[in-house]
Amino acid sequence: MVAIIVGLIIALIVIVVVVTSIQQHKEKIEAEKRIKVAKQKAIIDESEELILHLANLPSNPNIQQILNRRSLNAAKNMQELMPEVKGIKKRVQELATRLKASQDLANTQETTDENFTLPDNEQQLVSILQCIKKLRVVLKSEQSKGALDAQTFTGEDNKLAAMQLKINIESLVKRGTQAFNKNMLGSARQYLEKALQSLSSSTVRSDYVSAKQAEVTQQLEEITDALKHTNAKDAAKKAKSEENELDLLFQPKKKW
């Protein structure tokens, strides 16, 4: 009788352990699913935010198409992981429709930056630069996942790199010009030398880069001439001051 009771207790303990292990395994799987779903949702949110910021950049249907496809793929992954998530099926359909629209637009509209003018507001410039940097990271990620072919990645990344360079250069030149107008020649030269160095070291090769190199080089020559003139004036002023001091020192003494 005692043996039977002991056996039942052991069996009960084993059942509890097994049930607990199964429950813990299920909870672990559900937790992993939730983490994966949250990751996919973050991808969708990031893509949506970047699409909104595209309004501040030159029209680029290809980038919009890439971001819409990224959102759609993430939504499909969410649906596979947790098909019971409310509204996910409708969301997938909406994103599929949006992707189709962006594909049609990409086939009829070319990317252009001819009308792209940089805002004067520094905060807007920073926001645009951040958007470009995020887009380049996203493009690289999509290409590494096989969702974007190498040719498309290279073409779009080069466009973003050229835009990023233009913003940096125009900002430096603007600051250099402002410093020059305030007769802060040393600061002006530093800004323009930095701009010229960025242009020279950049892998971007375009008419803009060539024209800007010539423009900045000319500005630096003007600053060099201005500095020489200023130094000459300072030297003459100093020499005159020293001459006056000598005259004062060796002038005939007055008799009391």
Protein backbone atom coordinates (compact mmCIF):
# COMPACT_ATOMS: atom_id res chain seq x y z
CA MET A 1 0.00 0.00 0.00
CA VAL A 2 2.80 2.36 0.94
CA ALA A 3 4.62 1.46 -2.27
CA ILE A 4 1.49 2.29 -4.31
CA ILE A 5 1.13 5.66 -2.58
CA VAL A 6 4.80 6.45 -3.11
CA GLY A 7 4.47 5.44 -6.75
CA LEU A 8 1.42 7.68 -7.21
CA ILE A 9 3.25 10.60 -5.60
CA ILE A 10 6.25 10.08 -7.87
CA ALA A 11 3.97 9.81 -10.90
CA LEU A 12 2.17 12.98 -9.87
CA ILE A 13 5.50 14.81 -9.47
CA VAL A 14 6.61 13.61 -12.90
CA ILE A 15 3.32 14.77 -14.44
CA VAL A 16 3.65 18.17 -12.78
CA VAL A 17 7.23 18.52 -14.00
CA VAL A 18 6.27 17.49 -17.54
CA VAL A 19 3.25 19.81 -17.62
CA THR A 20 5.33 22.68 -16.21
CA SER A 21 8.07 22.06 -18.78
CA ILE A 22 5.53 22.02 -21.63
CA GLN A 23 3.94 25.21 -20.32
CA GLN A 24 7.30 26.93 -19.99
CA HIS A 25 8.23 25.82 -23.50
CA LYS A 26 4.97 27.25 -24.86
CA GLU A 27 5.52 30.50 -23.00
CA LYS A 28 9.08 30.69 -24.36
CA ILE A 29 7.84 30.16 -27.91
CA GLU A 30 5.13 32.81 -27.45
CA ALA A 31 7.66 35.24 -25.98
CA GLU A 32 10.00 34.67 -28.93
CA LYS A 33 7.07 35.21 -31.30
CA ARG A 34 6.18 38.46 -29.60
CA ILE A 35 9.78 39.65 -29.89
CA LYS A 36 9.82 38.81 -33.61
CA VAL A 37 6.45 40.49 -34.13
CA ALA A 38 7.66 43.60 -32.30
CA LYS A 39 10.75 43.65 -34.53
CA GLN A 40 8.59 43.49 -37.67
CA LYS A 41 6.33 46.22 -36.33
CA ALA A 42 9.39 48.41 -35.67
CA ILE A 43 10.45 47.88 -39.29
CA ILE A 44 7.02 49.00 -40.50
CA ASP A 45 7.03 52.05 -38.21
CA GLU A 46 10.51 53.05 -39.35
CA SER A 47 9.58 52.64 -43.01
CA GLU A 48 6.42 54.71 -42.54
CA GLU A 49 8.40 57.48 -40.85
CA LEU A 50 10.98 57.53 -43.63
CA ILE A 51 8.22 57.70 -46.26
CA LEU A 52 6.85 60.79 -44.52
CA HIS A 53 10.28 62.42 -44.52
CA LEU A 54 10.70 61.77 -48.25
CA ALA A 55 8.55 64.87 -48.74
CA ASN A 56 11.65 66.92 -47.80
CA LEU A 57 13.79 65.25 -50.46
CA PRO A 58 13.68 65.28 -54.26
CA SER A 59 10.98 63.00 -55.65
CA ASN A 60 12.28 59.42 -55.73
CA PRO A 61 9.62 56.78 -56.56
CA ASN A 62 12.22 54.00 -56.39
CA ILE A 63 13.03 54.70 -52.75
CA GLN A 64 9.33 54.88 -51.92
CA GLN A 65 8.80 51.54 -53.66
CA ILE A 66 11.64 49.95 -51.68
CA LEU A 67 10.23 51.23 -48.39
CA ASN A 68 6.70 50.06 -49.24
CA ARG A 69 7.99 46.59 -50.12
CA ARG A 70 9.93 46.53 -46.85
CA SER A 71 6.75 47.33 -44.91
CA LEU A 72 4.75 44.71 -46.81
CA ASN A 73 7.34 42.00 -46.18
CA ALA A 74 7.38 42.85 -42.47
CA ALA A 75 3.57 42.73 -42.31
CA LYS A 76 3.54 39.33 -44.03
CA ASN A 77 6.07 38.05 -41.51
CA MET A 78 3.83 39.29 -38.69
CA GLN A 79 0.87 37.49 -40.25
CA GLU A 80 2.82 34.22 -40.43
CA LEU A 81 3.99 34.54 -36.84
CA MET A 82 0.66 35.51 -35.34
CA PRO A 83 -2.22 35.24 -37.81
CA GLU A 84 -4.65 35.91 -34.98
CA VAL A 85 -3.36 39.49 -34.56
CA LYS A 86 -6.31 41.79 -35.10
CA GLY A 87 -6.28 43.74 -38.36
CA ILE A 88 -3.06 42.22 -39.72
CA LYS A 89 -4.73 40.74 -42.80
CA LYS A 90 -6.25 44.11 -43.70
CA ARG A 91 -2.90 45.80 -43.13
CA VAL A 92 -1.19 43.40 -45.53
CA GLN A 93 -3.81 44.17 -48.20
CA GLU A 94 -3.37 47.93 -47.72
CA LEU A 95 0.40 47.72 -48.02
CA ALA A 96 0.12 45.51 -51.11
CA THR A 97 -2.10 48.13 -52.75
CA ARG A 98 0.30 50.91 -51.80
CA LEU A 99 3.26 48.96 -53.18
CA LYS A 100 1.46 48.49 -56.49
CA ALA A 101 0.78 52.23 -56.69
CA SER A 102 4.43 53.09 -55.98
CA GLN A 103 5.58 50.57 -58.60
CA ASP A 104 3.33 52.19 -61.20
CA LEU A 105 4.70 55.60 -60.22
CA ALA A 106 8.30 54.39 -60.44
CA ASN A 107 7.64 53.17 -63.99
CA THR A 108 6.34 56.56 -65.14
CA GLN A 109 8.30 59.10 -63.09
CA GLU A 110 12.05 59.60 -62.98
CA THR A 111 14.10 60.63 -59.98
CA THR A 112 15.36 64.20 -60.15
CA ASP A 113 17.13 66.65 -57.88
CA GLU A 114 17.13 69.61 -60.25
CA ASN A 115 14.59 71.50 -58.14
CA PHE A 116 16.11 70.49 -54.82
CA THR A 117 16.93 73.60 -52.81
CA LEU A 118 18.44 73.40 -49.37
CA PRO A 119 16.45 75.01 -46.54
CA ASP A 120 18.03 77.87 -44.63
CA ASN A 121 16.86 76.45 -41.31
CA GLU A 122 19.65 74.46 -39.62
CA GLN A 123 17.22 72.10 -37.88
CA GLN A 124 15.60 71.21 -41.21
CA LEU A 125 19.03 70.52 -42.69
CA VAL A 126 19.91 68.24 -39.78
CA SER A 127 16.58 66.42 -40.18
CA ILE A 128 17.22 65.88 -43.89
CA LEU A 129 20.73 64.58 -43.23
CA GLN A 130 19.43 62.16 -40.60
CA CYS A 131 16.80 60.92 -43.05
CA ILE A 132 19.41 60.33 -45.76
CA LYS A 133 21.69 58.45 -43.36
CA LYS A 134 18.80 56.22 -42.21
CA LEU A 135 17.78 55.56 -45.82
CA ARG A 136 21.31 54.45 -46.69
CA VAL A 137 21.35 52.07 -43.71
CA VAL A 138 17.96 50.66 -44.73
CA LEU A 139 19.08 50.17 -48.34
CA LYS A 140 22.18 48.31 -47.17
CA SER A 141 20.06 46.13 -44.89
CA GLU A 142 17.61 45.29 -47.67
CA GLN A 143 20.45 44.47 -50.04
CA SER A 144 22.13 42.18 -47.47
CA LYS A 145 18.80 40.35 -46.95
CA GLY A 146 18.47 39.77 -50.68
CA ALA A 147 15.39 42.01 -50.92
CA LEU A 148 17.25 44.50 -53.12
CA ASP A 149 19.52 43.68 -56.05
CA ALA A 150 23.07 45.03 -56.11
CA GLN A 151 22.55 47.27 -59.14
CA THR A 152 19.52 49.04 -57.66
CA PHE A 153 21.25 49.39 -54.30
CA THR A 154 24.35 50.96 -55.86
CA GLY A 155 22.34 53.37 -57.98
CA GLU A 156 20.10 54.60 -55.17
CA ASP A 157 22.91 54.73 -52.61
CA ASN A 158 25.02 56.83 -54.97
CA LYS A 159 22.15 59.31 -55.35
CA LEU A 160 21.79 59.60 -51.59
CA ALA A 161 25.55 59.94 -51.15
CA ALA A 162 25.62 62.79 -53.69
CA MET A 163 22.76 64.51 -51.89
CA GLN A 164 24.45 64.08 -48.51
CA LEU A 165 27.69 65.53 -49.89
CA LYS A 166 25.84 68.51 -51.40
CA ILE A 167 24.19 69.35 -48.09
CA ASN A 168 27.49 69.16 -46.19
CA ILE A 169 29.36 71.25 -48.77
CA GLU A 170 26.69 73.93 -49.12
CA SER A 171 26.49 74.24 -45.34
CA LEU A 172 30.28 74.68 -45.02
CA VAL A 173 30.45 77.15 -47.91
CA LYS A 174 27.58 79.16 -46.44
CA ARG A 175 29.33 79.39 -43.08
CA GLY A 176 32.61 80.25 -44.77
CA THR A 177 30.99 83.03 -46.80
CA GLN A 178 29.29 84.46 -43.72
CA ALA A 179 32.60 84.47 -41.83
CA PHE A 180 34.32 86.15 -44.79
CA ASN A 181 31.67 88.88 -44.93
CA LYS A 182 32.26 89.52 -41.22
CA ASN A 183 36.00 89.79 -41.94
CA MET A 184 36.65 86.62 -39.91
CA LEU A 185 39.18 85.44 -42.47
CA GLY A 186 40.74 82.67 -40.38
CA SER A 187 37.38 81.03 -39.69
CA ALA A 188 36.32 81.47 -43.32
CA ARG A 189 39.45 79.70 -44.52
CA GLN A 190 38.89 76.79 -42.11
CA TYR A 191 35.31 76.23 -43.33
CA LEU A 192 36.28 76.39 -47.00
CA GLU A 193 39.37 74.19 -46.59
CA LYS A 194 37.17 71.58 -44.90
CA ALA A 195 34.70 71.82 -47.81
CA LEU A 196 37.49 71.41 -50.37
CA GLN A 197 38.90 68.43 -48.50
CA SER A 198 35.45 66.78 -48.41
CA LEU A 199 35.04 67.32 -52.15
CA SER A 200 38.49 65.91 -52.91
CA SER A 201 38.10 62.81 -50.73
CA SER A 202 34.53 62.03 -51.81
CA THR A 203 33.87 59.06 -54.10
CA VAL A 204 31.07 61.07 -55.72
CA ARG A 205 32.08 62.37 -59.14
CA SER A 206 29.70 64.77 -60.85
CA ASP A 207 29.47 68.18 -62.53
CA TYR A 208 28.43 69.61 -59.18
CA VAL A 209 31.61 68.34 -57.48
CA SER A 210 33.86 69.73 -60.25
CA ALA A 211 32.13 73.11 -60.28
CA LYS A 212 32.16 73.37 -56.50
CA GLN A 213 35.86 72.49 -56.29
CA ALA A 214 36.65 75.34 -58.68
CA GLU A 215 34.37 77.74 -56.79
CA VAL A 216 35.80 76.91 -53.35
CA THR A 217 39.38 77.08 -54.67
CA GLN A 218 38.68 80.57 -56.03
CA GLN A 219 37.19 81.65 -52.69
CA LEU A 220 40.26 80.35 -50.83
CA GLU A 221 42.53 82.35 -53.16
CA GLU A 222 40.52 85.49 -52.40
CA ILE A 223 40.85 84.81 -48.67
CA THR A 224 44.61 84.26 -49.03
CA ASP A 225 44.95 87.61 -50.84
CA ALA A 226 42.80 89.30 -48.20
CA LEU A 227 44.95 87.82 -45.43
CA LYS A 228 48.14 89.01 -47.17
CA HIS A 229 46.67 92.50 -47.48
CA THR A 230 45.56 92.49 -43.85
CA ASN A 231 48.95 91.24 -42.66
CA ALA A 232 50.70 93.90 -44.74
CA LYS A 233 48.51 96.63 -43.24
CA ASP A 234 49.13 95.28 -39.74
CA ALA A 235 52.87 95.18 -40.37
CA ALA A 236 52.88 98.75 -41.69
CA LYS A 237 50.80 99.91 -38.74
CA LYS A 238 53.15 98.18 -36.32
CA ALA A 239 56.21 99.67 -38.01
CA LYS A 240 54.67 103.14 -37.87
CA SER A 241 53.87 102.66 -34.19
CA GLU A 242 57.45 101.58 -33.45
CA GLU A 243 58.76 104.53 -35.44
CA ASN A 244 56.63 106.91 -33.39
CA GLU A 245 57.88 105.34 -30.18
CA LEU A 246 61.50 105.83 -31.29
CA ASP A 247 60.86 109.41 -32.26
CA LEU A 248 59.33 110.02 -28.87
CA LEU A 249 62.24 108.33 -27.14
CA PHE A 250 64.99 110.26 -28.94
CA GLN A 251 63.32 113.64 -29.35
CA PRO A 252 65.22 116.59 -27.81
CA LYS A 253 64.57 116.94 -24.15
CA LYS A 254 62.84 120.09 -23.01
CA LYS A 255 64.73 122.39 -20.71
CA TRP A 256 63.03 123.29 -17.46
